[in-house]
Amino acid sequence: ALDGLFFKPAGKLDPVHRTPAVSLVVQCVWACL
């Protein structure tokens, strides 16, 4: 996402934990599928 090759929201970090929260959700959805 930072390189512009994936959805832009996946390139944002959680302000408190400094983790890619949106990317973790995307990973979870993909794993469930």
PDB file of all heavy atoms in Angstrom:
ATOM      1  N   ALA A   1       0.828  -1.204   0.000  1.00  0.00           N
ATOM      2  CA  ALA A   1       0.000   0.000   0.000  1.00  0.00           C
ATOM      3  C   ALA A   1       0.865   1.257   0.000  1.00  0.00           C
ATOM      4  O   ALA A   1       0.533   2.247  -0.668  1.00  0.00           O
ATOM      5  CB  ALA A   1      -0.929  -0.006   1.208  1.00  0.00           C
ATOM      6  N   LEU A   2       1.979   1.239   0.722  1.00  0.00           N
ATOM      7  CA  LEU A   2       2.877   2.394   0.719  1.00  0.00           C
ATOM      8  C   LEU A   2       3.492   2.617  -0.658  1.00  0.00           C
ATOM      9  O   LEU A   2       3.739   3.751  -1.050  1.00  0.00           O
ATOM     10  CB  LEU A   2       3.991   2.201   1.748  1.00  0.00           C
ATOM     11  CG  LEU A   2       3.582   2.255   3.212  1.00  0.00           C
ATOM     12  CD1 LEU A   2       4.800   2.054   4.102  1.00  0.00           C
ATOM     13  CD2 LEU A   2       2.893   3.563   3.554  1.00  0.00           C
ATOM     14  N   ASP A   3       3.706   1.541  -1.402  1.00  0.00           N
ATOM     15  CA  ASP A   3       4.265   1.644  -2.752  1.00  0.00           C
ATOM     16  C   ASP A   3       3.203   1.917  -3.810  1.00  0.00           C
ATOM     17  O   ASP A   3       3.523   2.027  -4.986  1.00  0.00           O
ATOM     18  CB  ASP A   3       5.010   0.363  -3.120  1.00  0.00           C
ATOM     19  CG  ASP A   3       6.287   0.183  -2.316  1.00  0.00           C
ATOM     20  OD1 ASP A   3       6.786   1.174  -1.753  1.00  0.00           O
ATOM     21  OD2 ASP A   3       6.789  -0.957  -2.256  1.00  0.00           O
ATOM     22  N   GLY A   4       1.940   1.990  -3.399  1.00  0.00           N
ATOM     23  CA  GLY A   4       0.855   2.253  -4.334  1.00  0.00           C
ATOM     24  C   GLY A   4       0.399   1.031  -5.108  1.00  0.00           C
ATOM     25  O   GLY A   4      -0.263   1.157  -6.137  1.00  0.00           O
ATOM     26  N   LEU A   5       0.717  -0.167  -4.608  1.00  0.00           N
ATOM     27  CA  LEU A   5       0.350  -1.403  -5.294  1.00  0.00           C
ATOM     28  C   LEU A   5      -0.838  -2.113  -4.654  1.00  0.00           C
ATOM     29  O   LEU A   5      -1.233  -3.179  -5.114  1.00  0.00           O
ATOM     30  CB  LEU A   5       1.555  -2.361  -5.308  1.00  0.00           C
ATOM     31  CG  LEU A   5       2.814  -1.810  -5.973  1.00  0.00           C
ATOM     32  CD1 LEU A   5       3.983  -2.752  -5.745  1.00  0.00           C
ATOM     33  CD2 LEU A   5       2.567  -1.599  -7.454  1.00  0.00           C
ATOM     34  N   PHE A   6      -1.382  -1.550  -3.596  1.00  0.00           N
ATOM     35  CA  PHE A   6      -2.506  -2.154  -2.880  1.00  0.00           C
ATOM     36  C   PHE A   6      -3.405  -1.025  -2.408  1.00  0.00           C
ATOM     37  O   PHE A   6      -3.088   0.151  -2.565  1.00  0.00           O
ATOM     38  CB  PHE A   6      -1.967  -2.987  -1.703  1.00  0.00           C
ATOM     39  CG  PHE A   6      -2.920  -4.023  -1.183  1.00  0.00           C
ATOM     40  CD1 PHE A   6      -3.312  -5.073  -1.979  1.00  0.00           C
ATOM     41  CD2 PHE A   6      -3.417  -3.948   0.103  1.00  0.00           C
ATOM     42  CE1 PHE A   6      -4.179  -6.039  -1.501  1.00  0.00           C
ATOM     43  CE2 PHE A   6      -4.279  -4.907   0.599  1.00  0.00           C
ATOM     44  CZ  PHE A   6      -4.659  -5.954  -0.214  1.00  0.00           C
ATOM     45  N   PHE A   7      -4.532  -1.349  -1.820  1.00  0.00           N
ATOM     46  CA  PHE A   7      -5.481  -0.343  -1.359  1.00  0.00           C
ATOM     47  C   PHE A   7      -4.811   0.634  -0.387  1.00  0.00           C
ATOM     48  O   PHE A   7      -4.131   0.221   0.547  1.00  0.00           O
ATOM     49  CB  PHE A   7      -6.679  -1.008  -0.691  1.00  0.00           C
ATOM     50  CG  PHE A   7      -7.364  -2.010  -1.563  1.00  0.00           C
ATOM     51  CD1 PHE A   7      -7.345  -3.355  -1.251  1.00  0.00           C
ATOM     52  CD2 PHE A   7      -8.019  -1.612  -2.719  1.00  0.00           C
ATOM     53  CE1 PHE A   7      -7.968  -4.281  -2.063  1.00  0.00           C
ATOM     54  CE2 PHE A   7      -8.646  -2.524  -3.538  1.00  0.00           C
ATOM     55  CZ  PHE A   7      -8.621  -3.867  -3.211  1.00  0.00           C
ATOM     56  N   LYS A   8      -5.017   1.918  -0.611  1.00  0.00           N
ATOM     57  CA  LYS A   8      -4.363   2.965   0.173  1.00  0.00           C
ATOM     58  C   LYS A   8      -4.616   2.856   1.684  1.00  0.00           C
ATOM     59  O   LYS A   8      -3.699   3.070   2.474  1.00  0.00           O
ATOM     60  CB  LYS A   8      -4.783   4.331  -0.353  1.00  0.00           C
ATOM     61  CG  LYS A   8      -3.887   5.435   0.086  1.00  0.00           C
ATOM     62  CD  LYS A   8      -4.231   6.717  -0.644  1.00  0.00           C
ATOM     63  CE  LYS A   8      -3.202   7.769  -0.301  1.00  0.00           C
ATOM     64  NZ  LYS A   8      -3.366   8.972  -1.092  1.00  0.00           N
ATOM     65  N   PRO A   9      -5.828   2.529   2.142  1.00  0.00           N
ATOM     66  CA  PRO A   9      -6.052   2.432   3.593  1.00  0.00           C
ATOM     67  C   PRO A   9      -5.187   1.369   4.283  1.00  0.00           C
ATOM     68  O   PRO A   9      -4.916   1.470   5.476  1.00  0.00           O
ATOM     69  CB  PRO A   9      -7.535   2.066   3.718  1.00  0.00           C
ATOM     70  CG  PRO A   9      -8.148   2.543   2.452  1.00  0.00           C
ATOM     71  CD  PRO A   9      -7.095   2.402   1.403  1.00  0.00           C
ATOM     72  N   ALA A  10      -4.734   0.377   3.540  1.00  0.00           N
ATOM     73  CA  ALA A  10      -3.892  -0.668   4.144  1.00  0.00           C
ATOM     74  C   ALA A  10      -2.514  -0.134   4.505  1.00  0.00           C
ATOM     75  O   ALA A  10      -1.776  -0.780   5.244  1.00  0.00           O
ATOM     76  CB  ALA A  10      -3.760  -1.852   3.187  1.00  0.00           C
ATOM     77  N   GLY A  11      -2.179   1.049   4.043  1.00  0.00           N
ATOM     78  CA  GLY A  11      -0.886   1.642   4.336  1.00  0.00           C
ATOM     79  C   GLY A  11      -0.866   2.550   5.541  1.00  0.00           C
ATOM     80  O   GLY A  11       0.114   3.253   5.772  1.00  0.00           O
ATOM     81  N   LYS A  12      -1.921   2.552   6.329  1.00  0.00           N
ATOM     82  CA  LYS A  12      -1.979   3.407   7.512  1.00  0.00           C
ATOM     83  C   LYS A  12      -1.681   2.596   8.767  1.00  0.00           C
ATOM     84  O   LYS A  12      -2.108   1.454   8.896  1.00  0.00           O
ATOM     85  CB  LYS A  12      -3.356   4.049   7.634  1.00  0.00           C
ATOM     86  CG  LYS A  12      -3.661   5.011   6.517  1.00  0.00           C
ATOM     87  CD  LYS A  12      -5.017   5.645   6.682  1.00  0.00           C
ATOM     88  CE  LYS A  12      -5.285   6.574   5.508  1.00  0.00           C
ATOM     89  NZ  LYS A  12      -6.630   7.137   5.568  1.00  0.00           N
ATOM     90  N   LEU A  13      -0.964   3.228   9.697  1.00  0.00           N
ATOM     91  CA  LEU A  13      -0.653   2.593  10.976  1.00  0.00           C
ATOM     92  C   LEU A  13      -1.620   3.052  12.049  1.00  0.00           C
ATOM     93  O   LEU A  13      -2.088   4.192  12.033  1.00  0.00           O
ATOM     94  CB  LEU A  13       0.771   2.939  11.412  1.00  0.00           C
ATOM     95  CG  LEU A  13       1.913   2.371  10.585  1.00  0.00           C
ATOM     96  CD1 LEU A  13       3.232   2.886  11.112  1.00  0.00           C
ATOM     97  CD2 LEU A  13       1.877   0.861  10.582  1.00  0.00           C
ATOM     98  N   ASP A  14      -1.903   2.171  12.993  1.00  0.00           N
ATOM     99  CA  ASP A  14      -2.701   2.528  14.163  1.00  0.00           C
ATOM    100  C   ASP A  14      -1.899   3.548  14.976  1.00  0.00           C
ATOM    101  O   ASP A  14      -0.721   3.320  15.261  1.00  0.00           O
ATOM    102  CB  ASP A  14      -2.975   1.271  14.997  1.00  0.00           C
ATOM    103  CG  ASP A  14      -3.819   1.571  16.202  1.00  0.00           C
ATOM    104  OD1 ASP A  14      -5.054   1.585  16.072  1.00  0.00           O
ATOM    105  OD2 ASP A  14      -3.229   1.790  17.283  1.00  0.00           O
ATOM    106  N   PRO A  15      -2.503   4.675  15.340  1.00  0.00           N
ATOM    107  CA  PRO A  15      -1.731   5.721  16.033  1.00  0.00           C
ATOM    108  C   PRO A  15      -1.244   5.311  17.420  1.00  0.00           C
ATOM    109  O   PRO A  15      -0.216   5.799  17.869  1.00  0.00           O
ATOM    110  CB  PRO A  15      -2.708   6.898  16.109  1.00  0.00           C
ATOM    111  CG  PRO A  15      -4.052   6.318  15.907  1.00  0.00           C
ATOM    112  CD  PRO A  15      -3.880   5.074  15.095  1.00  0.00           C
ATOM    113  N   VAL A  16      -1.936   4.423  18.080  1.00  0.00           N
ATOM    114  CA  VAL A  16      -1.548   4.034  19.436  1.00  0.00           C
ATOM    115  C   VAL A  16      -0.533   2.895  19.418  1.00  0.00           C
ATOM    116  O   VAL A  16       0.519   2.959  20.053  1.00  0.00           O
ATOM    117  CB  VAL A  16      -2.792   3.625  20.264  1.00  0.00           C
ATOM    118  CG1 VAL A  16      -2.389   3.118  21.638  1.00  0.00           C
ATOM    119  CG2 VAL A  16      -3.753   4.785  20.370  1.00  0.00           C
ATOM    120  N   HIS A  17      -0.841   1.828  18.677  1.00  0.00           N
ATOM    121  CA  HIS A  17      -0.016   0.624  18.706  1.00  0.00           C
ATOM    122  C   HIS A  17       1.043   0.572  17.601  1.00  0.00           C
ATOM    123  O   HIS A  17       1.890  -0.314  17.615  1.00  0.00           O
ATOM    124  CB  HIS A  17      -0.907  -0.615  18.607  1.00  0.00           C
ATOM    125  CG  HIS A  17      -1.929  -0.687  19.683  1.00  0.00           C
ATOM    126  ND1 HIS A  17      -1.605  -0.942  21.004  1.00  0.00           N
ATOM    127  CD2 HIS A  17      -3.265  -0.509  19.661  1.00  0.00           C
ATOM    128  CE1 HIS A  17      -2.696  -0.937  21.730  1.00  0.00           C
ATOM    129  NE2 HIS A  17      -3.725  -0.663  20.940  1.00  0.00           N
ATOM    130  N   ARG A  18       0.947   1.486  16.628  1.00  0.00           N
ATOM    131  CA  ARG A  18       1.882   1.541  15.501  1.00  0.00           C
ATOM    132  C   ARG A  18       1.916   0.228  14.723  1.00  0.00           C
ATOM    133  O   ARG A  18       2.957  -0.247  14.299  1.00  0.00           O
ATOM    134  CB  ARG A  18       3.294   1.911  15.974  1.00  0.00           C
ATOM    135  CG  ARG A  18       3.416   3.163  16.799  1.00  0.00           C
ATOM    136  CD  ARG A  18       3.400   4.434  16.038  1.00  0.00           C
ATOM    137  NE  ARG A  18       4.467   4.440  15.037  1.00  0.00           N
ATOM    138  CZ  ARG A  18       4.412   5.148  13.938  1.00  0.00           C
ATOM    139  NH1 ARG A  18       3.380   5.902  13.692  1.00  0.00           N
ATOM    140  NH2 ARG A  18       5.383   5.127  13.055  1.00  0.00           N
ATOM    141  N   THR A  19       0.748  -0.375  14.548  1.00  0.00           N
ATOM    142  CA  THR A  19       0.605  -1.599  13.766  1.00  0.00           C
ATOM    143  C   THR A  19      -0.293  -1.312  12.565  1.00  0.00           C
ATOM    144  O   THR A  19      -1.160  -0.439  12.623  1.00  0.00           O
ATOM    145  CB  THR A  19      -0.033  -2.724  14.600  1.00  0.00           C
ATOM    146  OG1 THR A  19      -1.300  -2.273  15.096  1.00  0.00           O
ATOM    147  CG2 THR A  19       0.866  -3.121  15.761  1.00  0.00           C
ATOM    148  N   PRO A  20      -0.117  -2.052  11.489  1.00  0.00           N
ATOM    149  CA  PRO A  20      -0.993  -1.856  10.326  1.00  0.00           C
ATOM    150  C   PRO A  20      -2.341  -2.549  10.555  1.00  0.00           C
ATOM    151  O   PRO A  20      -2.594  -3.652  10.079  1.00  0.00           O
ATOM    152  CB  PRO A  20      -0.201  -2.495   9.186  1.00  0.00           C
ATOM    153  CG  PRO A  20       0.633  -3.536   9.848  1.00  0.00           C
ATOM    154  CD  PRO A  20       0.958  -2.998  11.208  1.00  0.00           C
ATOM    155  N   ALA A  21      -3.224  -1.875  11.281  1.00  0.00           N
ATOM    156  CA  ALA A  21      -4.494  -2.480  11.699  1.00  0.00           C
ATOM    157  C   ALA A  21      -5.363  -2.864  10.506  1.00  0.00           C
ATOM    158  O   ALA A  21      -5.954  -3.948  10.488  1.00  0.00           O
ATOM    159  CB  ALA A  21      -5.248  -1.529  12.624  1.00  0.00           C
ATOM    160  N   VAL A  22      -5.456  -2.001   9.503  1.00  0.00           N
ATOM    161  CA  VAL A  22      -6.281  -2.307   8.327  1.00  0.00           C
ATOM    162  C   VAL A  22      -5.708  -3.513   7.595  1.00  0.00           C
ATOM    163  O   VAL A  22      -6.443  -4.398   7.162  1.00  0.00           O
ATOM    164  CB  VAL A  22      -6.374  -1.080   7.395  1.00  0.00           C
ATOM    165  CG1 VAL A  22      -7.122  -1.419   6.130  1.00  0.00           C
ATOM    166  CG2 VAL A  22      -7.038   0.081   8.113  1.00  0.00           C
ATOM    167  N   SER A  23      -4.387  -3.582   7.489  1.00  0.00           N
ATOM    168  CA  SER A  23      -3.753  -4.720   6.832  1.00  0.00           C
ATOM    169  C   SER A  23      -3.998  -6.014   7.594  1.00  0.00           C
ATOM    170  O   SER A  23      -4.166  -7.072   6.995  1.00  0.00           O
ATOM    171  CB  SER A  23      -2.247  -4.495   6.706  1.00  0.00           C
ATOM    172  OG  SER A  23      -1.982  -3.409   5.866  1.00  0.00           O
ATOM    173  N   LEU A  24      -4.030  -5.934   8.923  1.00  0.00           N
ATOM    174  CA  LEU A  24      -4.323  -7.128   9.720  1.00  0.00           C
ATOM    175  C   LEU A  24      -5.752  -7.613   9.478  1.00  0.00           C
ATOM    176  O   LEU A  24      -6.005  -8.819   9.403  1.00  0.00           O
ATOM    177  CB  LEU A  24      -4.098  -6.840  11.206  1.00  0.00           C
ATOM    178  CG  LEU A  24      -2.641  -6.749  11.632  1.00  0.00           C
ATOM    179  CD1 LEU A  24      -2.540  -6.173  13.036  1.00  0.00           C
ATOM    180  CD2 LEU A  24      -1.980  -8.104  11.550  1.00  0.00           C
ATOM    181  N   VAL A  25      -6.681  -6.674   9.339  1.00  0.00           N
ATOM    182  CA  VAL A  25      -8.063  -7.049   9.044  1.00  0.00           C
ATOM    183  C   VAL A  25      -8.155  -7.681   7.651  1.00  0.00           C
ATOM    184  O   VAL A  25      -8.831  -8.698   7.462  1.00  0.00           O
ATOM    185  CB  VAL A  25      -9.002  -5.827   9.172  1.00  0.00           C
ATOM    186  CG1 VAL A  25     -10.396  -6.154   8.669  1.00  0.00           C
ATOM    187  CG2 VAL A  25      -9.049  -5.353  10.607  1.00  0.00           C
ATOM    188  N   VAL A  26      -7.464  -7.090   6.686  1.00  0.00           N
ATOM    189  CA  VAL A  26      -7.458  -7.656   5.332  1.00  0.00           C
ATOM    190  C   VAL A  26      -6.873  -9.062   5.362  1.00  0.00           C
ATOM    191  O   VAL A  26      -7.409  -9.986   4.741  1.00  0.00           O
ATOM    192  CB  VAL A  26      -6.659  -6.744   4.368  1.00  0.00           C
ATOM    193  CG1 VAL A  26      -6.426  -7.428   3.033  1.00  0.00           C
ATOM    194  CG2 VAL A  26      -7.378  -5.425   4.175  1.00  0.00           C
ATOM    195  N   GLN A  27      -5.782  -9.245   6.109  1.00  0.00           N
ATOM    196  CA  GLN A  27      -5.167 -10.566   6.234  1.00  0.00           C
ATOM    197  C   GLN A  27      -6.132 -11.557   6.876  1.00  0.00           C
ATOM    198  O   GLN A  27      -6.228 -12.711   6.456  1.00  0.00           O
ATOM    199  CB  GLN A  27      -3.885 -10.461   7.054  1.00  0.00           C
ATOM    200  CG  GLN A  27      -3.171 -11.754   7.283  1.00  0.00           C
ATOM    201  CD  GLN A  27      -2.476 -12.284   6.056  1.00  0.00           C
ATOM    202  OE1 GLN A  27      -2.293 -11.580   5.081  1.00  0.00           O
ATOM    203  NE2 GLN A  27      -2.105 -13.533   6.096  1.00  0.00           N
ATOM    204  N   CYS A  28      -6.862 -11.122   7.876  1.00  0.00           N
ATOM    205  CA  CYS A  28      -7.832 -11.988   8.547  1.00  0.00           C
ATOM    206  C   CYS A  28      -8.950 -12.405   7.595  1.00  0.00           C
ATOM    207  O   CYS A  28      -9.317 -13.582   7.534  1.00  0.00           O
ATOM    208  CB  CYS A  28      -8.400 -11.268   9.765  1.00  0.00           C
ATOM    209  SG  CYS A  28      -9.684 -12.196  10.617  1.00  0.00           S
ATOM    210  N   VAL A  29      -9.482 -11.447   6.853  1.00  0.00           N
ATOM    211  CA  VAL A  29     -10.556 -11.752   5.895  1.00  0.00           C
ATOM    212  C   VAL A  29     -10.059 -12.722   4.822  1.00  0.00           C
ATOM    213  O   VAL A  29     -10.734 -13.695   4.486  1.00  0.00           O
ATOM    214  CB  VAL A  29     -11.111 -10.450   5.271  1.00  0.00           C
ATOM    215  CG1 VAL A  29     -12.027 -10.744   4.103  1.00  0.00           C
ATOM    216  CG2 VAL A  29     -11.825  -9.625   6.327  1.00  0.00           C
ATOM    217  N   TRP A  30      -8.852 -12.465   4.311  1.00  0.00           N
ATOM    218  CA  TRP A  30      -8.288 -13.342   3.282  1.00  0.00           C
ATOM    219  C   TRP A  30      -8.075 -14.751   3.821  1.00  0.00           C
ATOM    220  O   TRP A  30      -8.384 -15.740   3.156  1.00  0.00           O
ATOM    221  CB  TRP A  30      -6.989 -12.749   2.757  1.00  0.00           C
ATOM    222  CG  TRP A  30      -6.367 -13.549   1.658  1.00  0.00           C
ATOM    223  CD1 TRP A  30      -5.184 -14.193   1.701  1.00  0.00           C
ATOM    224  CD2 TRP A  30      -6.915 -13.815   0.366  1.00  0.00           C
ATOM    225  NE1 TRP A  30      -4.949 -14.831   0.516  1.00  0.00           N
ATOM    226  CE2 TRP A  30      -6.000 -14.610  -0.324  1.00  0.00           C
ATOM    227  CE3 TRP A  30      -8.093 -13.440  -0.282  1.00  0.00           C
ATOM    228  CZ2 TRP A  30      -6.213 -15.053  -1.626  1.00  0.00           C
ATOM    229  CZ3 TRP A  30      -8.306 -13.882  -1.575  1.00  0.00           C
ATOM    230  CH2 TRP A  30      -7.382 -14.673  -2.230  1.00  0.00           C
ATOM    231  N   ALA A  31      -7.569 -14.877   5.031  1.00  0.00           N
ATOM    232  CA  ALA A  31      -7.364 -16.194   5.638  1.00  0.00           C
ATOM    233  C   ALA A  31      -8.691 -16.916   5.846  1.00  0.00           C
ATOM    234  O   ALA A  31      -8.796 -18.128   5.610  1.00  0.00           O
ATOM    235  CB  ALA A  31      -6.620 -16.054   6.953  1.00  0.00           C
ATOM    236  N   CYS A  32      -9.716 -16.172   6.268  1.00  0.00           N
ATOM    237  CA  CYS A  32     -11.040 -16.790   6.449  1.00  0.00           C
ATOM    238  C   CYS A  32     -11.606 -17.275   5.119  1.00  0.00           C
ATOM    239  O   CYS A  32     -12.155 -18.381   5.044  1.00  0.00           O
ATOM    240  CB  CYS A  32     -11.998 -15.803   7.108  1.00  0.00           C
ATOM    241  SG  CYS A  32     -11.613 -15.441   8.822  1.00  0.00           S
ATOM    242  N   LEU A  33     -11.454 -16.479   4.073  1.00  0.00           N
ATOM    243  CA  LEU A  33     -11.936 -16.899   2.752  1.00  0.00           C
ATOM    244  C   LEU A  33     -11.200 -18.145   2.260  1.00  0.00           C
ATOM    245  O   LEU A  33     -11.828 -19.076   1.736  1.00  0.00           O
ATOM    246  CB  LEU A  33     -11.782 -15.766   1.745  1.00  0.00           C
ATOM    247  CG  LEU A  33     -12.751 -14.605   1.894  1.00  0.00           C
ATOM    248  CD1 LEU A  33     -12.372 -13.482   0.931  1.00  0.00           C
ATOM    249  CD2 LEU A  33     -14.179 -15.065   1.633  1.00  0.00           C
TER     250      LEU A  33
END
